[in-house]
PDB file of N, CA and C in Angstrom:
ATOM      1  N   MET A   1      18.012 -10.174   7.426  1.00  0.00           N
ATOM      2  CA  MET A   1      17.411  -9.372   6.588  1.00  0.00           C
ATOM      3  C   MET A   1      16.220  -8.502   7.217  1.00  0.00           C
ATOM      4  N   LEU A   2      16.249  -7.222   6.916  1.00  0.00           N
ATOM      5  CA  LEU A   2      15.341  -6.495   7.630  1.00  0.00           C
ATOM      6  C   LEU A   2      13.901  -6.575   6.858  1.00  0.00           C
ATOM      7  N   LYS A   3      12.937  -6.676   7.660  1.00  0.00           N
ATOM      8  CA  LYS A   3      11.403  -6.719   7.164  1.00  0.00           C
ATOM      9  C   LYS A   3      11.071  -5.137   7.009  1.00  0.00           C
ATOM     10  N   CYS A   4      10.108  -5.026   5.987  1.00  0.00           N
ATOM     11  CA  CYS A   4       9.755  -3.654   5.779  1.00  0.00           C
ATOM     12  C   CYS A   4       9.081  -2.863   6.895  1.00  0.00           C
ATOM     13  N   ASP A   5       8.568  -3.572   7.961  1.00  0.00           N
ATOM     14  CA  ASP A   5       7.856  -3.028   9.082  1.00  0.00           C
ATOM     15  C   ASP A   5       9.098  -2.349   9.872  1.00  0.00           C
ATOM     16  N   ILE A   6      10.163  -2.375   9.526  1.00  0.00           N
ATOM     17  CA  ILE A   6      11.408  -1.715  10.324  1.00  0.00           C
ATOM     18  C   ILE A   6      11.021  -0.191  10.334  1.00  0.00           C
ATOM     19  N   PHE A   7      10.488   0.240   9.217  1.00  0.00           N
ATOM     20  CA  PHE A   7      10.132   1.691   9.137  1.00  0.00           C
ATOM     21  C   PHE A   7       9.078   2.012  10.112  1.00  0.00           C
ATOM     22  N   ASN A   8       8.190   1.281  10.352  1.00  0.00           N
ATOM     23  CA  ASN A   8       6.965   1.601  11.387  1.00  0.00           C
ATOM     24  C   ASN A   8       7.708   1.487  12.871  1.00  0.00           C
ATOM     25  N   ILE A   9       8.443   0.591  12.975  1.00  0.00           N
ATOM     26  CA  ILE A   9       9.152   0.437  14.300  1.00  0.00           C
ATOM     27  C   ILE A   9       9.913   1.672  14.664  1.00  0.00           C
ATOM     28  N   LEU A  10      10.708   2.119  13.585  1.00  0.00           N
ATOM     29  CA  LEU A  10      11.613   3.406  13.851  1.00  0.00           C
ATOM     30  C   LEU A  10      10.821   4.527  14.001  1.00  0.00           C
ATOM     31  N   ARG A  11       9.626   4.751  13.333  1.00  0.00           N
ATOM     32  CA  ARG A  11       8.757   5.909  13.515  1.00  0.00           C
ATOM     33  C   ARG A  11       8.275   6.045  14.913  1.00  0.00           C
ATOM     34  N   ASN A  12       8.110   4.857  15.583  1.00  0.00           N
ATOM     35  CA  ASN A  12       7.351   4.776  16.802  1.00  0.00           C
ATOM     36  C   ASN A  12       8.386   4.688  18.001  1.00  0.00           C
ATOM     37  N   GLN A  13       9.779   4.704  17.613  1.00  0.00           N
ATOM     38  CA  GLN A  13      10.708   4.561  18.743  1.00  0.00           C
ATOM     39  C   GLN A  13      10.785   5.992  19.453  1.00  0.00           C
ATOM     40  N   THR A  14      11.314   5.811  20.791  1.00  0.00           N
ATOM     41  CA  THR A  14      11.562   7.140  21.458  1.00  0.00           C
ATOM     42  C   THR A  14      13.087   7.364  21.144  1.00  0.00           C
ATOM     43  N   VAL A  15      13.565   8.699  21.414  1.00  0.00           N
ATOM     44  CA  VAL A  15      14.834   9.072  21.171  1.00  0.00           C
ATOM     45  C   VAL A  15      15.717   8.569  22.359  1.00  0.00           C
ATOM     46  N   GLY A  16      16.834   8.054  22.057  1.00  0.00           N
ATOM     47  CA  GLY A  16      17.609   7.464  22.896  1.00  0.00           C
ATOM     48  C   GLY A  16      18.552   8.441  23.710  1.00  0.00           C
ATOM     49  N   VAL A  17      19.586   7.794  24.516  1.00  0.00           N
ATOM     50  CA  VAL A  17      20.380   8.652  25.496  1.00  0.00           C
ATOM     51  C   VAL A  17      21.080   9.792  24.790  1.00  0.00           C
ATOM     52  N   VAL A  18      21.612   9.485  23.717  1.00  0.00           N
ATOM     53  CA  VAL A  18      22.338  10.395  22.777  1.00  0.00           C
ATOM     54  C   VAL A  18      21.655  11.236  21.813  1.00  0.00           C
ATOM     55  N   GLY A  19      20.226  11.292  22.070  1.00  0.00           N
ATOM     56  CA  GLY A  19      19.309  11.960  21.154  1.00  0.00           C
ATOM     57  C   GLY A  19      19.256  11.567  19.774  1.00  0.00           C
ATOM     58  N   GLU A  20      19.465  10.256  19.587  1.00  0.00           N
ATOM     59  CA  GLU A  20      19.309   9.463  18.320  1.00  0.00           C
ATOM     60  C   GLU A  20      18.203   8.439  18.419  1.00  0.00           C
ATOM     61  N   ILE A  21      17.570   8.126  17.295  1.00  0.00           N
ATOM     62  CA  ILE A  21      16.815   6.886  17.164  1.00  0.00           C
ATOM     63  C   ILE A  21      17.744   5.835  16.738  1.00  0.00           C
ATOM     64  N   GLN A  22      17.899   4.641  17.399  1.00  0.00           N
ATOM     65  CA  GLN A  22      18.790   3.569  17.227  1.00  0.00           C
ATOM     66  C   GLN A  22      18.093   2.510  16.319  1.00  0.00           C
ATOM     67  N   LEU A  23      18.811   2.313  15.194  1.00  0.00           N
ATOM     68  CA  LEU A  23      18.489   1.184  14.267  1.00  0.00           C
ATOM     69  C   LEU A  23      18.567  -0.267  15.134  1.00  0.00           C
ATOM     70  N   ALA A  24      19.683  -0.290  15.820  1.00  0.00           N
ATOM     71  CA  ALA A  24      19.906  -1.528  16.825  1.00  0.00           C
ATOM     72  C   ALA A  24      18.660  -1.850  17.521  1.00  0.00           C
ATOM     73  N   ASP A  25      17.930  -0.785  18.189  1.00  0.00           N
ATOM     74  CA  ASP A  25      16.759  -1.033  18.999  1.00  0.00           C
ATOM     75  C   ASP A  25      15.656  -1.710  18.115  1.00  0.00           C
ATOM     76  N   ALA A  26      15.426  -1.115  16.955  1.00  0.00           N
ATOM     77  CA  ALA A  26      14.382  -1.505  16.015  1.00  0.00           C
ATOM     78  C   ALA A  26      14.720  -2.980  15.571  1.00  0.00           C
ATOM     79  N   ILE A  27      15.999  -3.389  15.289  1.00  0.00           N
ATOM     80  CA  ILE A  27      16.214  -4.682  15.101  1.00  0.00           C
ATOM     81  C   ILE A  27      15.934  -5.616  16.207  1.00  0.00           C
ATOM     82  N   ASN A  28      16.178  -5.257  17.362  1.00  0.00           N
ATOM     83  CA  ASN A  28      15.938  -5.863  18.600  1.00  0.00           C
ATOM     84  C   ASN A  28      14.550  -6.247  18.714  1.00  0.00           C
ATOM     85  N   GLU A  29      13.710  -5.195  18.350  1.00  0.00           N
ATOM     86  CA  GLU A  29      12.107  -5.451  18.409  1.00  0.00           C
ATOM     87  C   GLU A  29      11.636  -6.237  17.329  1.00  0.00           C
ATOM     88  N   GLN A  30      12.379  -6.286  16.215  1.00  0.00           N
ATOM     89  CA  GLN A  30      11.904  -7.341  15.094  1.00  0.00           C
ATOM     90  C   GLN A  30      12.522  -8.864  15.611  1.00  0.00           C
ATOM     91  N   ALA A  31      13.482  -8.894  16.226  1.00  0.00           N
ATOM     92  CA  ALA A  31      14.018 -10.132  16.767  1.00  0.00           C
ATOM     93  C   ALA A  31      13.125 -10.740  17.719  1.00  0.00           C
ATOM     94  N   GLU A  32      12.535  -9.809  18.739  1.00  0.00           N
ATOM     95  CA  GLU A  32      11.764 -10.232  19.835  1.00  0.00           C
ATOM     96  C   GLU A  32      10.521 -10.856  19.076  1.00  0.00           C
ATOM     97  N   SER A  33      10.007 -10.371  18.114  1.00  0.00           N
ATOM     98  CA  SER A  33       8.807 -10.878  17.525  1.00  0.00           C
ATOM     99  C   SER A  33       8.889 -11.775  16.483  1.00  0.00           C
ATOM    100  N   ASN A  34      10.224 -12.424  16.356  1.00  0.00           N
ATOM    101  CA  ASN A  34      10.517 -13.441  15.458  1.00  0.00           C
ATOM    102  C   ASN A  34      10.380 -12.939  13.931  1.00  0.00           C
ATOM    103  N   ALA A  35      10.538 -11.733  13.657  1.00  0.00           N
ATOM    104  CA  ALA A  35      10.172 -11.267  12.420  1.00  0.00           C
ATOM    105  C   ALA A  35      11.575 -10.949  11.777  1.00  0.00           C
ATOM    106  N   MET A  36      12.482 -11.879  11.849  1.00  0.00           N
ATOM    107  CA  MET A  36      13.810 -11.775  11.401  1.00  0.00           C
ATOM    108  C   MET A  36      14.341 -12.835  10.767  1.00  0.00           C
ATOM    109  N   GLU A  37      15.246 -12.761   9.860  1.00  0.00           N
ATOM    110  CA  GLU A  37      15.968 -13.794   9.091  1.00  0.00           C
ATOM    111  C   GLU A  37      17.430 -13.589   9.301  1.00  0.00           C
ATOM    112  N   THR A  38      18.293 -14.551   9.660  1.00  0.00           N
ATOM    113  CA  THR A  38      19.589 -14.384   9.820  1.00  0.00           C
ATOM    114  C   THR A  38      20.377 -15.330   8.664  1.00  0.00           C
ATOM    115  N   VAL A  39      21.551 -14.930   8.532  1.00  0.00           N
ATOM    116  CA  VAL A  39      22.552 -15.836   7.717  1.00  0.00           C
ATOM    117  C   VAL A  39      23.892 -15.824   8.216  1.00  0.00           C
ATOM    118  N   MET A  40      24.344 -17.084   8.351  1.00  0.00           N
ATOM    119  CA  MET A  40      25.676 -17.426   8.977  1.00  0.00           C
ATOM    120  C   MET A  40      26.711 -16.905   7.793  1.00  0.00           C
ATOM    121  N   ILE A  41      27.697 -16.136   8.124  1.00  0.00           N
ATOM    122  CA  ILE A  41      28.761 -15.763   6.990  1.00  0.00           C
ATOM    123  C   ILE A  41      30.083 -16.068   7.734  1.00  0.00           C
ATOM    124  N   ASN A  42      30.953 -16.529   6.675  1.00  0.00           N
ATOM    125  CA  ASN A  42      32.412 -16.705   7.044  1.00  0.00           C
ATOM    126  C   ASN A  42      33.224 -15.593   6.746  1.00  0.00           C
ATOM    127  N   GLY A  43      34.130 -14.984   7.387  1.00  0.00           N
ATOM    128  CA  GLY A  43      34.729 -13.890   7.294  1.00  0.00           C
ATOM    129  C   GLY A  43      35.054 -12.937   8.444  1.00  0.00           C
ATOM    130  N   LEU A  44      35.763 -11.933   8.291  1.00  0.00           N
ATOM    131  CA  LEU A  44      36.108 -10.895   9.289  1.00  0.00           C
ATOM    132  C   LEU A  44      35.072  -9.893   9.627  1.00  0.00           C
ATOM    133  N   CYS A  45      34.957  -9.290  10.691  1.00  0.00           N
ATOM    134  CA  CYS A  45      34.039  -8.297  10.945  1.00  0.00           C
ATOM    135  C   CYS A  45      34.807  -7.197  11.678  1.00  0.00           C
ATOM    136  N   PHE A  46      34.500  -5.995  11.285  1.00  0.00           N
ATOM    137  CA  PHE A  46      35.106  -4.778  11.791  1.00  0.00           C
ATOM    138  C   PHE A  46      33.939  -3.788  12.357  1.00  0.00           C
ATOM    139  N   ASP A  47      34.321  -3.317  13.585  1.00  0.00           N
ATOM    140  CA  ASP A  47      33.262  -2.355  14.011  1.00  0.00           C
ATOM    141  C   ASP A  47      33.564  -0.997  13.453  1.00  0.00           C
ATOM    142  N   CYS A  48      33.002  -0.640  12.331  1.00  0.00           N
ATOM    143  CA  CYS A  48      33.149   0.631  11.804  1.00  0.00           C
ATOM    144  C   CYS A  48      32.453   1.837  12.354  1.00  0.00           C
ATOM    145  N   GLY A  49      31.841   1.465  13.490  1.00  0.00           N
ATOM    146  CA  GLY A  49      31.220   2.519  14.287  1.00  0.00           C
ATOM    147  C   GLY A  49      32.121   3.057  15.235  1.00  0.00           C
ATOM    148  N   SER A  50      33.353   2.501  15.404  1.00  0.00           N
ATOM    149  CA  SER A  50      34.353   3.072  16.263  1.00  0.00           C
ATOM    150  C   SER A  50      35.554   3.483  15.431  1.00  0.00           C
ATOM    151  N   VAL A  51      36.267   4.520  15.799  1.00  0.00           N
ATOM    152  CA  VAL A  51      37.500   4.870  15.104  1.00  0.00           C
ATOM    153  C   VAL A  51      38.468   3.814  14.919  1.00  0.00           C
ATOM    154  N   GLN A  52      38.874   3.056  16.002  1.00  0.00           N
ATOM    155  CA  GLN A  52      39.743   2.025  15.885  1.00  0.00           C
ATOM    156  C   GLN A  52      39.275   0.962  14.855  1.00  0.00           C
ATOM    157  N   GLY A  53      38.029   0.579  14.989  1.00  0.00           N
ATOM    158  CA  GLY A  53      37.559  -0.457  14.019  1.00  0.00           C
ATOM    159  C   GLY A  53      37.643   0.019  12.574  1.00  0.00           C
ATOM    160  N   TYR A  54      37.207   1.222  12.319  1.00  0.00           N
ATOM    161  CA  TYR A  54      37.248   1.706  10.993  1.00  0.00           C
ATOM    162  C   TYR A  54      38.643   1.597  10.499  1.00  0.00           C
ATOM    163  N   ILE A  55      39.636   2.221  11.214  1.00  0.00           N
ATOM    164  CA  ILE A  55      41.066   2.050  10.792  1.00  0.00           C
ATOM    165  C   ILE A  55      41.500   0.726  10.576  1.00  0.00           C
ATOM    166  N   ASP A  56      41.118  -0.096  11.359  1.00  0.00           N
ATOM    167  CA  ASP A  56      41.454  -1.670  11.306  1.00  0.00           C
ATOM    168  C   ASP A  56      40.847  -2.156   9.913  1.00  0.00           C
ATOM    169  N   ALA A  57      39.708  -1.643   9.604  1.00  0.00           N
ATOM    170  CA  ALA A  57      39.217  -2.222   8.350  1.00  0.00           C
ATOM    171  C   ALA A  57      39.894  -1.656   7.167  1.00  0.00           C
ATOM    172  N   ILE A  58      40.147  -0.465   7.083  1.00  0.00           N
ATOM    173  CA  ILE A  58      40.959   0.354   6.152  1.00  0.00           C
ATOM    174  C   ILE A  58      42.365  -0.239   5.945  1.00  0.00           C
ATOM    175  N   LYS A  59      42.955  -0.606   6.963  1.00  0.00           N
ATOM    176  CA  LYS A  59      44.368  -1.313   6.978  1.00  0.00           C
ATOM    177  C   LYS A  59      44.247  -2.701   6.439  1.00  0.00           C
ATOM    178  N   TYR A  60      43.132  -3.389   6.830  1.00  0.00           N
ATOM    179  CA  TYR A  60      43.116  -4.739   6.265  1.00  0.00           C
ATOM    180  C   TYR A  60      42.771  -4.775   4.742  1.00  0.00           C
ATOM    181  N   VAL A  61      41.776  -3.957   4.428  1.00  0.00           N
ATOM    182  CA  VAL A  61      41.518  -3.773   2.747  1.00  0.00           C
ATOM    183  C   VAL A  61      42.853  -3.374   2.175  1.00  0.00           C
ATOM    184  N   ALA A  62      43.406  -2.399   2.628  1.00  0.00           N
ATOM    185  CA  ALA A  62      44.713  -1.923   1.854  1.00  0.00           C
ATOM    186  C   ALA A  62      45.807  -2.975   1.767  1.00  0.00           C
ATOM    187  N   SER A  63      46.007  -3.769   2.964  1.00  0.00           N
ATOM    188  CA  SER A  63      46.948  -4.633   2.846  1.00  0.00           C
ATOM    189  C   SER A  63      46.545  -5.957   2.105  1.00  0.00           C
ATOM    190  N   ASN A  64      45.295  -6.196   2.050  1.00  0.00           N
ATOM    191  CA  ASN A  64      44.996  -7.626   1.299  1.00  0.00           C
ATOM    192  C   ASN A  64      44.677  -7.428  -0.097  1.00  0.00           C
ATOM    193  N   TYR A  65      44.442  -6.028  -0.419  1.00  0.00           N
ATOM    194  CA  TYR A  65      43.961  -5.696  -1.904  1.00  0.00           C
ATOM    195  C   TYR A  65      45.044  -4.878  -2.560  1.00  0.00           C
ATOM    196  N   LYS A  66      46.060  -4.696  -1.937  1.00  0.00           N
ATOM    197  CA  LYS A  66      47.274  -3.788  -2.375  1.00  0.00           C
ATOM    198  C   LYS A  66      46.997  -2.480  -3.052  1.00  0.00           C
ATOM    199  N   PHE A  67      46.105  -1.795  -2.046  1.00  0.00           N
ATOM    200  CA  PHE A  67      45.744  -0.471  -2.342  1.00  0.00           C
ATOM    201  C   PHE A  67      46.865   0.617  -1.594  1.00  0.00           C
ATOM    202  N   TYR A  68      48.055   0.079  -1.235  1.00  0.00           N
ATOM    203  CA  TYR A  68      49.009   0.993  -0.584  1.00  0.00           C
ATOM    204  C   TYR A  68      50.183   1.367  -1.590  1.00  0.00           C
TER     205      TYR A  68
END
């Protein structure tokens, strides 16, 4: 769960290599200060930040929920 101070962390971050402010960096900062809660989940995980991961997720949903 993200705490509301994530917005302050994002405001104060420097721009990354690709010219973007990264949410993952802000989350890491929260984790380093122990301001983070985690929940274990059972299930599959798809990297929808990559084209292949996104396609894999779509294929999984389509085949398991009969959307084809």
